[in-house]
């Protein structure tokens, strides 16, 4: 139940980014990478965070460490691919 709650929390955290990327992208263009990369990363991150916290509360340090490593990997993946960013701005030489 904790993993399901974490997954739902991850989806709810993703929703504002998904709405903006899919329906209100730059110049009306949909940014589907927000759906294909952002939603799974946020959902799996929520699940991993829930499992980590639950394991810590129960005192299962090895399980918490494993889930924490997974959570760290997901954060690194999300930051590296910039999964919640909007579409890039095309700027000429000068201020945007």
C-alpha atoms as a PDB file:
ATOM      1  CA  UNK A   1       0.000   0.000   0.000  1.00  0.00           C
ATOM      2  CA  UNK A   2       2.928   2.328   0.700  1.00  0.00           C
ATOM      3  CA  UNK A   3       4.355   1.700  -2.775  1.00  0.00           C
ATOM      4  CA  UNK A   4       0.976   2.450  -4.377  1.00  0.00           C
ATOM      5  CA  UNK A   5       0.671   5.664  -2.375  1.00  0.00           C
ATOM      6  CA  UNK A   6       4.176   6.656  -3.450  1.00  0.00           C
ATOM      7  CA  UNK A   7       3.320   5.969  -7.081  1.00  0.00           C
ATOM      8  CA  UNK A   8       0.188   8.099  -6.850  1.00  0.00           C
ATOM      9  CA  UNK A   9       2.183  10.882  -5.181  1.00  0.00           C
ATOM     10  CA  UNK A  10       4.738  10.716  -8.000  1.00  0.00           C
ATOM     11  CA  UNK A  11       1.986  10.979 -10.618  1.00  0.00           C
ATOM     12  CA  UNK A  12       0.396  13.919  -8.810  1.00  0.00           C
ATOM     13  CA  UNK A  13       3.777  15.665  -8.646  1.00  0.00           C
ATOM     14  CA  UNK A  14       4.210  15.050 -12.390  1.00  0.00           C
ATOM     15  CA  UNK A  15       0.733  16.314 -13.386  1.00  0.00           C
ATOM     16  CA  UNK A  16       1.526  20.072 -13.647  1.00  0.00           C
ATOM     17  CA  UNK A  17       4.578  19.361 -15.815  1.00  0.00           C
ATOM     18  CA  UNK A  18       2.678  16.886 -17.972  1.00  0.00           C
ATOM     19  CA  UNK A  19      -0.215  19.258 -18.553  1.00  0.00           C
ATOM     20  CA  UNK A  20       2.142  22.073 -19.525  1.00  0.00           C
ATOM     21  CA  UNK A  21       4.306  19.872 -21.766  1.00  0.00           C
ATOM     22  CA  UNK A  22       1.561  17.997 -23.571  1.00  0.00           C
ATOM     23  CA  UNK A  23      -1.139  20.645 -23.929  1.00  0.00           C
ATOM     24  CA  UNK A  24       0.730  23.931 -23.679  1.00  0.00           C
ATOM     25  CA  UNK A  25       4.169  23.419 -25.163  1.00  0.00           C
ATOM     26  CA  UNK A  26       6.344  26.087 -26.731  1.00  0.00           C
ATOM     27  CA  UNK A  27       4.429  27.762 -29.578  1.00  0.00           C
ATOM     28  CA  UNK A  28       1.618  25.228 -29.256  1.00  0.00           C
ATOM     29  CA  UNK A  29       3.863  22.231 -29.991  1.00  0.00           C
ATOM     30  CA  UNK A  30       3.313  19.215 -27.736  1.00  0.00           C
ATOM     31  CA  UNK A  31       6.357  17.924 -25.869  1.00  0.00           C
ATOM     32  CA  UNK A  32       5.714  14.165 -25.630  1.00  0.00           C
ATOM     33  CA  UNK A  33       9.047  13.449 -23.900  1.00  0.00           C
ATOM     34  CA  UNK A  34       7.411  14.779 -20.737  1.00  0.00           C
ATOM     35  CA  UNK A  35       4.970  11.864 -20.959  1.00  0.00           C
ATOM     36  CA  UNK A  36       7.372   9.156 -22.131  1.00  0.00           C
ATOM     37  CA  UNK A  37      10.209   9.956 -19.717  1.00  0.00           C
ATOM     38  CA  UNK A  38       8.818  12.215 -16.991  1.00  0.00           C
ATOM     39  CA  UNK A  39       5.809  10.142 -15.945  1.00  0.00           C
ATOM     40  CA  UNK A  40       7.682   6.832 -15.477  1.00  0.00           C
ATOM     41  CA  UNK A  41      10.579   8.501 -13.642  1.00  0.00           C
ATOM     42  CA  UNK A  42       8.252  10.384 -11.276  1.00  0.00           C
ATOM     43  CA  UNK A  43       6.050   7.324 -10.664  1.00  0.00           C
ATOM     44  CA  UNK A  44       8.993   4.993 -10.020  1.00  0.00           C
ATOM     45  CA  UNK A  45      10.630   7.682  -7.881  1.00  0.00           C
ATOM     46  CA  UNK A  46       7.497   7.942  -5.759  1.00  0.00           C
ATOM     47  CA  UNK A  47       7.381   4.167  -5.345  1.00  0.00           C
ATOM     48  CA  UNK A  48      11.082   4.026  -4.408  1.00  0.00           C
ATOM     49  CA  UNK A  49      10.664   6.907  -1.948  1.00  0.00           C
ATOM     50  CA  UNK A  50       7.686   5.174  -0.310  1.00  0.00           C
ATOM     51  CA  UNK A  51       9.555   1.879   0.012  1.00  0.00           C
ATOM     52  CA  UNK A  52      12.626   3.666   1.392  1.00  0.00           C
ATOM     53  CA  UNK A  53      10.641   5.510   4.050  1.00  0.00           C
ATOM     54  CA  UNK A  54       8.672   2.397   4.995  1.00  0.00           C
ATOM     55  CA  UNK A  55      11.872   0.360   5.356  1.00  0.00           C
ATOM     56  CA  UNK A  56      13.430   3.085   7.495  1.00  0.00           C
ATOM     57  CA  UNK A  57      10.403   3.197   9.787  1.00  0.00           C
ATOM     58  CA  UNK A  58      10.551  -0.577  10.206  1.00  0.00           C
ATOM     59  CA  UNK A  59      14.287  -0.495  10.898  1.00  0.00           C
ATOM     60  CA  UNK A  60      15.249  -2.580   7.838  1.00  0.00           C
ATOM     61  CA  UNK A  61      18.424  -0.715   6.960  1.00  0.00           C
ATOM     62  CA  UNK A  62      19.617  -2.936   4.104  1.00  0.00           C
ATOM     63  CA  UNK A  63      16.279  -2.761   2.314  1.00  0.00           C
ATOM     64  CA  UNK A  64      16.201   1.016   2.876  1.00  0.00           C
ATOM     65  CA  UNK A  65      19.713   1.334   1.493  1.00  0.00           C
ATOM     66  CA  UNK A  66      18.810  -0.638  -1.643  1.00  0.00           C
ATOM     67  CA  UNK A  67      15.691   1.419  -2.266  1.00  0.00           C
ATOM     68  CA  UNK A  68      17.662   4.592  -1.558  1.00  0.00           C
ATOM     69  CA  UNK A  69      20.235   3.615  -4.187  1.00  0.00           C
ATOM     70  CA  UNK A  70      17.394   3.037  -6.676  1.00  0.00           C
ATOM     71  CA  UNK A  71      15.899   6.412  -5.778  1.00  0.00           C
ATOM     72  CA  UNK A  72      19.284   8.101  -6.251  1.00  0.00           C
ATOM     73  CA  UNK A  73      19.687   6.436  -9.657  1.00  0.00           C
ATOM     74  CA  UNK A  74      16.231   7.631 -10.719  1.00  0.00           C
ATOM     75  CA  UNK A  75      17.012  11.184  -9.609  1.00  0.00           C
ATOM     76  CA  UNK A  76      20.283  11.066 -11.544  1.00  0.00           C
ATOM     77  CA  UNK A  77      18.499   9.737 -14.630  1.00  0.00           C
ATOM     78  CA  UNK A  78      15.842  12.428 -14.352  1.00  0.00           C
ATOM     79  CA  UNK A  79      18.376  15.225 -13.949  1.00  0.00           C
ATOM     80  CA  UNK A  80      20.609  13.917 -16.748  1.00  0.00           C
ATOM     81  CA  UNK A  81      17.746  13.715 -19.246  1.00  0.00           C
ATOM     82  CA  UNK A  82      15.963  16.781 -17.830  1.00  0.00           C
ATOM     83  CA  UNK A  83      12.692  14.864 -17.903  1.00  0.00           C
ATOM     84  CA  UNK A  84      10.546  17.647 -16.448  1.00  0.00           C
ATOM     85  CA  UNK A  85      11.905  20.488 -18.556  1.00  0.00           C
ATOM     86  CA  UNK A  86       9.783  22.211 -21.120  1.00  0.00           C
ATOM     87  CA  UNK A  87      10.766  22.484 -24.743  1.00  0.00           C
ATOM     88  CA  UNK A  88      14.038  24.278 -25.430  1.00  0.00           C
ATOM     89  CA  UNK A  89      13.909  27.952 -26.348  1.00  0.00           C
ATOM     90  CA  UNK A  90      15.361  28.877 -29.709  1.00  0.00           C
ATOM     91  CA  UNK A  91      17.208  32.112 -29.043  1.00  0.00           C
ATOM     92  CA  UNK A  92      19.134  34.146 -31.527  1.00  0.00           C
ATOM     93  CA  UNK A  93      22.396  35.668 -30.367  1.00  0.00           C
ATOM     94  CA  UNK A  94      21.121  38.013 -27.734  1.00  0.00           C
ATOM     95  CA  UNK A  95      18.763  37.952 -24.794  1.00  0.00           C
ATOM     96  CA  UNK A  96      15.798  35.575 -24.846  1.00  0.00           C
END
